[in-house]
Amino acid sequence: MNNNIAVGLDIGTTKIVAIVGKRNEYGKLEILGMGRAKSLGVHRGVVNNITQTIDSIKKAVEEAEKAANYKITDVTVGIAGQHIRSLQHSDYISRPNFEDVINDSDLEKLKEQVHKLVMLPGEEIIHVLPQEYKVDSQSEIIEPRGFHGSRLEANFHVVVGQISLIRNIARCVKEAGLNLVGITLEPLASSDAVLSQEEKEAGVALIDVGGGTTDIAVFKDNIIRHTAVIPFGGNVITEDIKTGCSIIERQAEILKVKYGSAWPSENKEIEVISIPGLHGREPKEITVKKLSQIIHARIEEIISLAYLELRNYGCEEQKKKLIAGIVMTGGGSKLKHLRQLTEYTTGMDVRIGFCNEHLASGQPEELASPEYATAIGLLMTGLNDLEAKQSKTKQEEKTDSEILPVEAQNETEKTEAKTEEETVINLFNTDQEKTQEGRRKNREKKKSIFTTFQEKFIKYINDTE
């Protein structure tokens, strides 16, 4: 398993990140190399310039290859954007023999049936995520394998996206000389990186504040319950600062990262930032309080939209209450006082999600940052897929090895029968001079041996079939 190496490729609005890694003997992630490039052809999670996106992917991958000393061929990619939507769907299959236990083939058959759903023109299904199962009259079954029943039913969370936009991502990856082995919804990948099983069991909402979008995933009873993508992220805040302070984008981004705060009351009017003027012009002076007010207005809108999605899920109902509250991740979650503002707006417990729980010791601290949560999650997805394929191959080899001894036994039976046949022929030749009675006995002996050979041969054919 330690030789299994995977690559997570996060094609974001502000940056493209490629992370190469494997699991160590303790199941922790060992990062072999990372590459990062500025994303120039992506807007709000959607590719709007194929050529620029390909160039950015190549730069990130080359940097990761150099750091890891490993040639990257296969990648697992994340997908987001305002074209993503989700829906709930129930479906069932009838089983011909209720006495046979439900197995993987039944679950796959049910999922394949959901994949055949007719979507709106130009849409395709990205994920079919099972929730609870129902076998005959017994409902709320989490693990149906091993049950007996004639009808298998399930509720599914179906994630849908625009075909053309998904194909654009696939094309960029292919044109960059890479093989796309998996595509995953970004909030699902981020949730693997920063959420614990206990949080998913108790009920938790992941809010991933990225550069172009804010992704949401809700878990309850260890099951995905709701996903959504809000078409606003950190770039909109930067744009607001740029417009409100009449400065260029690069300066606005520096102000946001270095001095930005989501809570204006924390800043005093006398705190002033001086910004160099363009081409010999006089420098501009902006108060930290004004900067925070600009940031606060936009981030409060994003949080309110995210909370609306949680209310649409039903987080205010007692049965659907999110006991573990909210976990915020992504580059935008590093904004000062964002946790306090989110707690104030939603009335829920909030923490910032880091990836250090899954990383092996000795890894750079930078990798545990929330802005790399999606890339780390995609790496984990790639490794899980590799291990699943490896496990399936071993299972097939085990099944073959169980058949081989039977075949060897049949071969032995055939050899023994052939030896017996040769013995009969020899006996028949040596008894040519004996009496008629002796020859008759030899013929009877020969007949019985050939009868045995015939029975064994028929048995061999039946066993083979």
Protein backbone atom coordinates (compact mmCIF):
# COMPACT_ATOMS: atom_id res chain seq x y z
CA MET A 1 0.00 0.00 0.00
CA ASN A 2 2.90 2.37 0.68
CA ASN A 3 3.77 2.24 -3.02
CA ASN A 4 0.35 3.63 -3.92
CA ILE A 5 0.87 7.26 -4.89
CA ALA A 6 -2.00 9.57 -5.86
CA VAL A 7 -2.32 13.19 -6.96
CA GLY A 8 -5.02 15.70 -6.00
CA LEU A 9 -5.51 18.59 -8.42
CA ASP A 10 -7.52 21.57 -7.11
CA ILE A 11 -8.51 23.86 -10.01
CA GLY A 12 -9.64 26.92 -8.10
CA THR A 13 -10.56 30.47 -9.01
CA THR A 14 -7.47 32.07 -7.45
CA LYS A 15 -4.97 29.20 -7.47
CA ILE A 16 -4.34 25.75 -8.93
CA VAL A 17 -2.73 23.27 -6.53
CA ALA A 18 -1.29 19.82 -7.27
CA ILE A 19 -0.39 17.62 -4.27
CA VAL A 20 1.42 14.27 -4.57
CA GLY A 21 1.25 11.88 -1.63
CA LYS A 22 0.79 8.42 -0.17
CA ARG A 23 -0.21 6.86 3.15
CA ASN A 24 2.40 5.72 5.65
CA GLU A 25 2.14 2.56 7.75
CA TYR A 26 -0.05 4.42 10.28
CA GLY A 27 -2.58 5.54 7.65
CA LYS A 28 -1.45 9.18 7.74
CA LEU A 29 -0.76 11.25 4.63
CA GLU A 30 2.85 11.64 3.62
CA ILE A 31 3.10 14.56 1.19
CA LEU A 32 5.86 13.95 -1.37
CA GLY A 33 5.52 17.24 -3.21
CA MET A 34 3.27 20.21 -3.91
CA GLY A 35 2.97 22.63 -6.79
CA ARG A 36 1.03 25.88 -6.91
CA ALA A 37 0.25 28.30 -9.75
CA LYS A 38 -1.93 31.38 -10.10
CA SER A 39 -5.27 30.50 -11.71
CA LEU A 40 -5.84 32.78 -14.68
CA GLY A 41 -8.62 31.07 -16.66
CA VAL A 42 -11.20 30.22 -13.99
CA HIS A 43 -14.06 32.46 -12.80
CA ARG A 44 -16.30 31.45 -9.88
CA GLY A 45 -15.25 27.83 -10.19
CA VAL A 46 -15.93 27.66 -13.94
CA VAL A 47 -13.30 27.52 -16.71
CA ASN A 48 -13.68 30.57 -18.97
CA ASN A 49 -10.29 30.42 -20.69
CA ILE A 50 -9.09 26.96 -21.76
CA THR A 51 -5.56 27.99 -22.80
CA GLN A 52 -4.74 29.92 -19.62
CA THR A 53 -6.15 27.14 -17.43
CA ILE A 54 -4.03 24.50 -19.23
CA ASP A 55 -0.89 26.64 -18.73
CA SER A 56 -1.65 27.08 -15.02
CA ILE A 57 -2.25 23.33 -14.57
CA LYS A 58 1.05 22.54 -16.29
CA LYS A 59 2.96 24.97 -14.04
CA ALA A 60 1.46 23.53 -10.85
CA VAL A 61 2.05 19.93 -11.97
CA GLU A 62 5.65 20.59 -13.06
CA GLU A 63 6.43 22.18 -9.70
CA ALA A 64 4.86 19.22 -7.87
CA GLU A 65 6.79 16.72 -10.03
CA LYS A 66 10.05 18.48 -9.29
CA ALA A 67 9.39 18.58 -5.54
CA ALA A 68 8.28 14.91 -5.40
CA ASN A 69 10.74 13.57 -7.99
CA TYR A 70 7.76 11.70 -9.44
CA LYS A 71 6.21 11.72 -12.91
CA ILE A 72 2.53 12.67 -12.60
CA THR A 73 0.14 10.92 -14.99
CA ASP A 74 -3.14 10.35 -13.11
CA VAL A 75 -5.00 13.02 -11.14
CA THR A 76 -8.20 13.33 -9.10
CA VAL A 77 -9.89 16.67 -9.78
CA GLY A 78 -12.46 18.71 -7.84
CA ILE A 79 -15.47 20.42 -9.35
CA ALA A 80 -17.54 23.36 -8.08
CA GLY A 81 -19.26 26.40 -9.54
CA GLN A 82 -22.73 27.92 -9.58
CA HIS A 83 -23.90 25.35 -12.17
CA ILE A 84 -23.82 22.63 -9.48
CA ARG A 85 -27.16 21.68 -7.96
CA SER A 86 -28.42 18.81 -5.84
CA LEU A 87 -31.69 16.95 -5.41
CA GLN A 88 -33.23 14.16 -3.32
CA HIS A 89 -34.47 11.02 -5.08
CA SER A 90 -35.92 7.67 -3.98
CA ASP A 91 -35.67 4.50 -6.06
CA TYR A 92 -35.98 0.74 -5.68
CA ILE A 93 -35.24 -2.61 -7.32
CA SER A 94 -37.09 -5.92 -7.08
CA ARG A 95 -34.97 -8.99 -6.32
CA PRO A 96 -35.94 -12.33 -7.94
CA ASN A 97 -34.99 -14.45 -4.92
CA PHE A 98 -35.62 -12.96 -1.48
CA GLU A 99 -33.70 -15.82 0.17
CA ASP A 100 -30.41 -14.59 -1.33
CA VAL A 101 -28.73 -11.99 0.85
CA ILE A 102 -28.31 -8.44 -0.43
CA ASN A 103 -24.75 -7.87 -1.68
CA ASP A 104 -22.64 -5.28 -3.53
CA SER A 105 -24.13 -6.18 -6.92
CA ASP A 106 -27.63 -5.27 -5.67
CA LEU A 107 -26.43 -1.90 -4.36
CA GLU A 108 -24.60 -1.17 -7.63
CA LYS A 109 -27.70 -2.13 -9.64
CA LEU A 110 -29.76 0.32 -7.59
CA LYS A 111 -27.21 3.13 -8.06
CA GLU A 112 -27.00 2.46 -11.81
CA GLN A 113 -30.77 2.81 -12.00
CA VAL A 114 -30.52 6.28 -10.41
CA HIS A 115 -27.79 7.24 -12.90
CA LYS A 116 -30.35 6.68 -15.67
CA LEU A 117 -32.55 9.51 -14.36
CA VAL A 118 -33.55 12.04 -17.01
CA MET A 119 -31.97 15.40 -16.19
CA LEU A 120 -32.60 18.86 -17.61
CA PRO A 121 -31.10 19.48 -21.07
CA GLY A 122 -27.32 19.88 -20.83
CA GLU A 123 -27.00 18.37 -17.35
CA GLU A 124 -25.43 15.15 -16.11
CA ILE A 125 -25.17 13.36 -12.78
CA ILE A 126 -21.85 13.74 -10.94
CA HIS A 127 -22.56 11.85 -7.71
CA VAL A 128 -25.23 9.43 -6.50
CA LEU A 129 -24.86 9.35 -2.71
CA PRO A 130 -27.02 6.80 -0.83
CA GLN A 131 -28.58 7.84 2.47
CA GLU A 132 -30.95 5.39 4.22
CA TYR A 133 -32.06 2.05 2.76
CA LYS A 134 -35.33 0.17 3.12
CA VAL A 135 -35.65 -3.61 2.74
CA ASP A 136 -39.26 -4.72 2.27
CA SER A 137 -41.08 -3.14 5.25
CA GLN A 138 -37.97 -2.45 7.36
CA SER A 139 -36.78 1.15 7.01
CA GLU A 140 -33.90 3.38 8.19
CA ILE A 141 -31.24 0.76 7.38
CA ILE A 142 -27.73 2.21 7.04
CA GLU A 143 -25.95 -1.00 5.94
CA PRO A 144 -28.26 -3.33 3.94
CA ARG A 145 -25.63 -5.95 3.00
CA GLY A 146 -26.50 -9.35 4.44
CA PHE A 147 -30.25 -8.68 4.70
CA HIS A 148 -32.87 -10.94 3.08
CA GLY A 149 -35.63 -9.32 1.07
CA SER A 150 -37.40 -9.04 -2.27
CA ARG A 151 -37.48 -5.22 -2.52
CA LEU A 152 -34.49 -2.94 -1.92
CA GLU A 153 -35.25 0.78 -1.72
CA ALA A 154 -33.08 3.81 -0.89
CA ASN A 155 -33.05 7.59 -0.61
CA PHE A 156 -30.29 9.25 -2.62
CA HIS A 157 -28.61 12.65 -2.63
CA VAL A 158 -27.94 13.33 -6.32
CA VAL A 159 -25.41 15.99 -7.38
CA VAL A 160 -25.90 17.39 -10.90
CA GLY A 161 -23.79 19.69 -13.09
CA GLN A 162 -23.66 21.17 -16.58
CA ILE A 163 -22.15 18.71 -19.09
CA SER A 164 -20.29 21.37 -21.08
CA LEU A 165 -18.63 22.89 -18.01
CA ILE A 166 -17.59 19.46 -16.69
CA ARG A 167 -16.19 18.59 -20.14
CA ASN A 168 -14.18 21.83 -20.16
CA ILE A 169 -12.40 20.79 -16.96
CA ALA A 170 -11.78 17.30 -18.38
CA ARG A 171 -10.40 18.82 -21.58
CA CYS A 172 -8.00 21.12 -19.69
CA VAL A 173 -6.67 18.16 -17.72
CA LYS A 174 -6.24 16.05 -20.86
CA GLU A 175 -4.58 18.86 -22.83
CA ALA A 176 -2.13 19.29 -19.95
CA GLY A 177 -0.99 15.70 -20.61
CA LEU A 178 -2.79 14.15 -17.62
CA ASN A 179 -5.26 11.34 -17.16
CA LEU A 180 -8.44 12.22 -15.22
CA VAL A 181 -9.09 9.19 -13.00
CA GLY A 182 -11.71 10.76 -10.74
CA ILE A 183 -13.85 13.87 -10.38
CA THR A 184 -15.30 14.86 -7.00
CA LEU A 185 -17.51 17.64 -5.71
CA GLU A 186 -15.15 20.00 -3.88
CA PRO A 187 -17.12 20.34 -0.61
CA LEU A 188 -17.13 16.53 -0.32
CA ALA A 189 -13.36 16.46 -0.76
CA SER A 190 -12.87 19.26 1.78
CA SER A 191 -15.13 17.48 4.28
CA ASP A 192 -12.89 14.39 4.16
CA ALA A 193 -9.90 16.57 4.99
CA VAL A 194 -11.25 18.62 7.92
CA LEU A 195 -14.28 16.86 9.45
CA SER A 196 -14.15 14.06 12.02
CA GLN A 197 -16.46 11.04 12.08
CA GLU A 198 -17.89 12.26 15.40
CA GLU A 199 -18.86 15.60 13.83
CA LYS A 200 -20.50 13.91 10.85
CA GLU A 201 -22.41 11.66 13.23
CA ALA A 202 -23.59 14.49 15.50
CA GLY A 203 -24.50 16.82 12.63
CA VAL A 204 -22.20 19.41 11.09
CA ALA A 205 -22.13 21.95 8.26
CA LEU A 206 -18.96 22.53 6.27
CA ILE A 207 -18.62 26.02 4.77
CA ASP A 208 -15.66 26.24 2.40
CA VAL A 209 -14.99 29.89 1.56
CA GLY A 210 -12.92 29.76 -1.62
CA GLY A 211 -11.72 32.40 -4.02
CA GLY A 212 -14.70 32.28 -6.40
CA THR A 213 -17.36 30.23 -4.62
CA THR A 214 -18.49 29.23 -1.14
CA ASP A 215 -19.23 25.50 -0.98
CA ILE A 216 -21.53 23.91 1.58
CA ALA A 217 -21.94 20.29 2.71
CA VAL A 218 -24.22 19.16 5.54
CA PHE A 219 -23.75 15.82 7.36
CA LYS A 220 -26.01 14.15 9.90
CA ASP A 221 -25.86 10.57 11.26
CA ASN A 222 -22.68 10.14 9.20
CA ILE A 223 -24.68 10.68 5.98
CA ILE A 224 -24.45 13.52 3.47
CA ARG A 225 -27.74 15.42 3.71
CA HIS A 226 -27.34 18.61 1.69
CA THR A 227 -24.87 20.28 -0.68
CA ALA A 228 -24.88 23.73 -2.25
CA VAL A 229 -22.57 26.17 -4.03
CA ILE A 230 -22.87 29.95 -3.49
CA PRO A 231 -21.35 31.95 -6.39
CA PHE A 232 -19.48 34.36 -4.09
CA GLY A 233 -16.10 34.03 -2.43
CA GLY A 234 -12.97 35.92 -1.45
CA ASN A 235 -12.57 37.50 -4.89
CA VAL A 236 -15.81 39.46 -4.47
CA ILE A 237 -14.47 40.93 -1.22
CA THR A 238 -11.26 41.93 -2.99
CA GLU A 239 -13.30 43.55 -5.78
CA ASP A 240 -15.33 45.51 -3.21
CA ILE A 241 -12.14 46.81 -1.56
CA LYS A 242 -10.72 47.74 -4.95
CA THR A 243 -13.86 49.73 -5.82
CA GLY A 244 -14.47 51.22 -2.37
CA CYS A 245 -10.91 52.44 -1.91
CA SER A 246 -10.15 53.24 -5.58
CA ILE A 247 -7.01 51.09 -5.70
CA ILE A 248 -5.73 48.32 -7.96
CA GLU A 249 -6.60 44.65 -7.38
CA ARG A 250 -3.15 43.60 -6.16
CA GLN A 251 -3.19 46.28 -3.47
CA ALA A 252 -6.75 45.33 -2.48
CA GLU A 253 -5.74 41.68 -1.98
CA ILE A 254 -2.77 42.68 0.19
CA LEU A 255 -5.01 44.92 2.33
CA LYS A 256 -7.56 42.13 2.78
CA VAL A 257 -5.00 39.52 3.82
CA LYS A 258 -2.80 41.74 5.99
CA TYR A 259 -5.22 44.18 7.63
CA GLY A 260 -8.70 42.84 6.83
CA SER A 261 -11.23 42.01 9.55
CA ALA A 262 -14.86 40.86 9.49
CA TRP A 263 -15.66 42.81 12.68
CA PRO A 264 -15.42 46.64 12.22
CA SER A 265 -15.97 47.49 15.89
CA GLU A 266 -12.63 45.87 16.70
CA ASN A 267 -10.81 48.63 14.81
CA LYS A 268 -10.27 52.25 15.80
CA GLU A 269 -10.74 55.29 13.57
CA ILE A 270 -7.18 56.47 14.20
CA GLU A 271 -5.60 53.34 12.64
CA VAL A 272 -4.57 54.36 9.12
CA ILE A 273 -2.95 52.43 6.24
CA SER A 274 -0.87 54.27 3.65
CA ILE A 275 -0.98 52.88 0.08
CA PRO A 276 1.69 53.92 -2.46
CA GLY A 277 0.31 56.00 -5.35
CA LEU A 278 0.59 54.97 -8.99
CA HIS A 279 3.35 56.48 -11.15
CA GLY A 280 4.48 59.18 -8.75
CA ARG A 281 1.02 60.08 -7.50
CA GLU A 282 0.46 60.91 -3.85
CA PRO A 283 -0.02 57.87 -1.55
CA LYS A 284 -3.55 57.13 -0.36
CA GLU A 285 -4.55 56.79 3.25
CA ILE A 286 -7.34 54.39 4.28
CA THR A 287 -8.54 53.75 7.81
CA VAL A 288 -8.58 50.14 9.01
CA LYS A 289 -12.14 50.68 10.20
CA LYS A 290 -13.35 51.64 6.72
CA LEU A 291 -11.59 48.59 5.27
CA SER A 292 -13.32 46.37 7.83
CA GLN A 293 -16.71 47.91 7.08
CA ILE A 294 -16.31 47.09 3.36
CA ILE A 295 -15.27 43.51 4.17
CA HIS A 296 -18.01 43.09 6.79
CA ALA A 297 -20.81 44.05 4.39
CA ARG A 298 -19.84 41.38 1.83
CA ILE A 299 -18.82 38.57 4.19
CA GLU A 300 -22.04 39.01 6.17
CA GLU A 301 -23.98 38.53 2.91
CA ILE A 302 -22.05 35.31 2.16
CA ILE A 303 -22.66 33.96 5.68
CA SER A 304 -26.37 34.83 5.45
CA LEU A 305 -26.69 32.96 2.13
CA ALA A 306 -24.87 29.97 3.64
CA TYR A 307 -27.15 30.02 6.68
CA LEU A 308 -30.18 30.16 4.36
CA GLU A 309 -28.99 26.89 2.80
CA LEU A 310 -28.70 25.34 6.27
CA ARG A 311 -32.24 26.45 7.06
CA ASN A 312 -33.43 25.00 3.74
CA TYR A 313 -31.95 21.70 4.91
CA GLY A 314 -33.90 22.09 8.17
CA CYS A 315 -31.18 22.74 10.75
CA GLU A 316 -33.73 24.47 13.02
CA GLU A 317 -35.77 21.27 13.35
CA GLN A 318 -34.99 19.20 16.44
CA LYS A 319 -34.43 15.99 14.44
CA LYS A 320 -32.08 17.72 11.96
CA LYS A 321 -30.22 19.88 14.46
CA LEU A 322 -26.49 20.24 13.78
CA ILE A 323 -25.01 19.52 17.19
CA ALA A 324 -21.40 19.97 16.02
CA GLY A 325 -22.25 23.36 14.49
CA ILE A 326 -20.24 24.79 11.60
CA VAL A 327 -16.70 24.11 10.39
CA MET A 328 -15.25 26.81 8.12
CA THR A 329 -12.36 26.13 5.78
CA GLY A 330 -10.85 27.42 2.54
CA GLY A 331 -8.59 30.44 2.02
CA GLY A 332 -11.37 32.87 2.96
CA SER A 333 -11.74 31.30 6.41
CA LYS A 334 -8.41 32.87 7.43
CA LEU A 335 -10.07 36.30 7.54
CA LYS A 336 -9.70 37.80 10.99
CA HIS A 337 -12.79 37.60 13.26
CA LEU A 338 -14.73 35.54 10.70
CA ARG A 339 -15.45 32.84 13.27
CA GLN A 340 -16.95 35.35 15.71
CA LEU A 341 -19.12 36.96 13.01
CA THR A 342 -20.42 33.55 11.86
CA GLU A 343 -21.28 32.56 15.44
CA TYR A 344 -23.11 35.87 15.91
CA THR A 345 -25.05 35.56 12.63
CA THR A 346 -26.05 31.88 12.90
CA GLY A 347 -26.11 31.30 16.66
CA MET A 348 -24.15 28.08 16.11
CA ASP A 349 -20.77 26.86 17.34
CA VAL A 350 -18.04 27.53 14.78
CA ARG A 351 -14.46 26.34 14.37
CA ILE A 352 -11.88 26.78 11.61
CA GLY A 353 -11.03 23.50 9.83
CA PHE A 354 -7.37 22.51 9.48
CA CYS A 355 -6.01 19.38 7.75
CA ASN A 356 -3.31 18.50 10.33
CA GLU A 357 -5.32 15.55 11.73
CA HIS A 358 -4.68 13.52 8.56
CA LEU A 359 -1.08 14.59 7.93
CA ALA A 360 1.92 12.55 9.05
CA SER A 361 4.34 14.16 11.48
CA GLY A 362 7.14 16.19 10.00
CA GLN A 363 5.05 17.69 7.19
CA PRO A 364 5.32 21.44 6.45
CA GLU A 365 2.89 23.47 8.58
CA GLU A 366 1.75 25.30 5.45
CA LEU A 367 -0.04 22.14 4.22
CA ALA A 368 -2.36 22.12 7.24
CA SER A 369 -3.70 25.55 6.25
CA PRO A 370 -7.45 25.73 5.43
CA GLU A 371 -6.69 26.95 1.90
CA TYR A 372 -5.29 23.48 1.04
CA ALA A 373 -8.25 21.54 2.46
CA THR A 374 -9.75 20.77 -0.97
CA ALA A 375 -6.43 19.64 -2.47
CA ILE A 376 -5.70 17.40 0.55
CA GLY A 377 -9.24 15.99 0.32
CA LEU A 378 -8.80 15.22 -3.38
CA LEU A 379 -5.53 13.43 -2.59
CA MET A 380 -7.36 11.34 0.03
CA THR A 381 -10.09 10.51 -2.52
CA GLY A 382 -7.46 9.40 -5.04
CA LEU A 383 -5.75 7.17 -2.45
CA ASN A 384 -9.08 5.66 -1.38
CA ASP A 385 -9.89 4.81 -5.01
CA LEU A 386 -6.46 3.20 -5.47
CA GLU A 387 -6.89 1.11 -2.32
CA ALA A 388 -10.40 0.06 -3.39
CA LYS A 389 -9.08 -1.14 -6.76
CA GLN A 390 -6.25 -2.98 -5.03
CA SER A 391 -8.69 -4.66 -2.64
CA LYS A 392 -10.94 -5.71 -5.54
CA THR A 393 -7.96 -7.20 -7.41
CA LYS A 394 -6.91 -9.17 -4.31
CA GLN A 395 -10.46 -10.47 -3.89
CA GLU A 396 -10.52 -11.66 -7.50
CA GLU A 397 -7.12 -13.35 -7.05
CA LYS A 398 -8.39 -15.03 -3.89
CA THR A 399 -11.44 -16.33 -5.72
CA ASP A 400 -9.20 -17.70 -8.48
CA SER A 401 -6.90 -19.39 -5.96
CA GLU A 402 -9.89 -21.14 -4.38
CA ILE A 403 -10.79 -22.60 -7.77
CA LEU A 404 -7.25 -23.78 -8.62
CA PRO A 405 -7.05 -26.64 -6.08
CA VAL A 406 -10.27 -28.11 -7.52
CA GLU A 407 -8.82 -27.91 -11.01
CA ALA A 408 -5.58 -29.52 -9.79
CA GLN A 409 -7.61 -32.27 -8.15
CA ASN A 410 -9.45 -32.92 -11.39
CA GLU A 411 -6.14 -33.06 -13.27
CA THR A 412 -4.91 -35.64 -10.73
CA GLU A 413 -8.05 -37.71 -11.24
CA LYS A 414 -7.53 -37.60 -14.99
CA THR A 415 -3.89 -38.73 -14.60
CA GLU A 416 -4.91 -41.58 -12.30
CA ALA A 417 -7.59 -42.69 -14.74
CA LYS A 418 -5.09 -42.61 -17.60
CA THR A 419 -2.66 -44.73 -15.57
CA GLU A 420 -5.41 -47.22 -14.82
CA GLU A 421 -6.27 -47.38 -18.50
CA GLU A 422 -2.65 -48.12 -19.42
CA THR A 423 -2.52 -50.83 -16.77
CA VAL A 424 -5.61 -52.49 -18.22
CA ILE A 425 -4.10 -52.51 -21.70
CA ASN A 426 -0.89 -54.11 -20.38
CA LEU A 427 -2.87 -56.74 -18.52
CA PHE A 428 -4.90 -57.43 -21.60
CA ASN A 429 -1.73 -57.99 -23.69
CA THR A 430 -0.03 -60.29 -21.16
CA ASP A 431 -3.16 -62.43 -20.81
CA GLN A 432 -3.42 -63.29 -24.52
CA GLU A 433 -2.28 -66.90 -23.80
CA LYS A 434 -4.76 -67.46 -20.94
CA THR A 435 -8.03 -69.35 -21.11
CA GLN A 436 -11.25 -67.95 -22.44
CA GLU A 437 -12.41 -67.53 -18.87
CA GLY A 438 -9.32 -65.53 -18.04
CA ARG A 439 -9.81 -63.28 -21.05
CA ARG A 440 -13.47 -62.78 -20.07
CA LYS A 441 -12.44 -61.72 -16.56
CA ASN A 442 -9.88 -59.33 -18.00
CA ARG A 443 -12.54 -57.81 -20.24
CA GLU A 444 -14.85 -57.34 -17.24
CA LYS A 445 -11.99 -55.75 -15.30
CA LYS A 446 -11.21 -53.48 -18.20
CA LYS A 447 -14.87 -52.53 -18.49
CA SER A 448 -15.16 -51.62 -14.82
CA ILE A 449 -12.04 -49.45 -14.93
CA PHE A 450 -13.23 -47.63 -18.02
CA THR A 451 -16.59 -47.13 -16.34
CA THR A 452 -14.77 -45.50 -13.40
CA PHE A 453 -12.76 -43.34 -15.80
CA GLN A 454 -15.95 -42.27 -17.59
CA GLU A 455 -17.69 -41.35 -14.32
CA LYS A 456 -14.68 -39.30 -13.18
CA PHE A 457 -14.46 -37.56 -16.54
CA ILE A 458 -18.16 -36.58 -16.44
CA LYS A 459 -17.66 -35.31 -12.88
CA TYR A 460 -14.69 -33.20 -14.07
CA ILE A 461 -16.79 -31.66 -16.87
CA ASN A 462 -19.63 -30.84 -14.47
CA ASP A 463 -17.26 -29.27 -11.93
CA THR A 464 -15.68 -27.17 -14.65
CA GLU A 465 -19.08 -25.87 -15.78
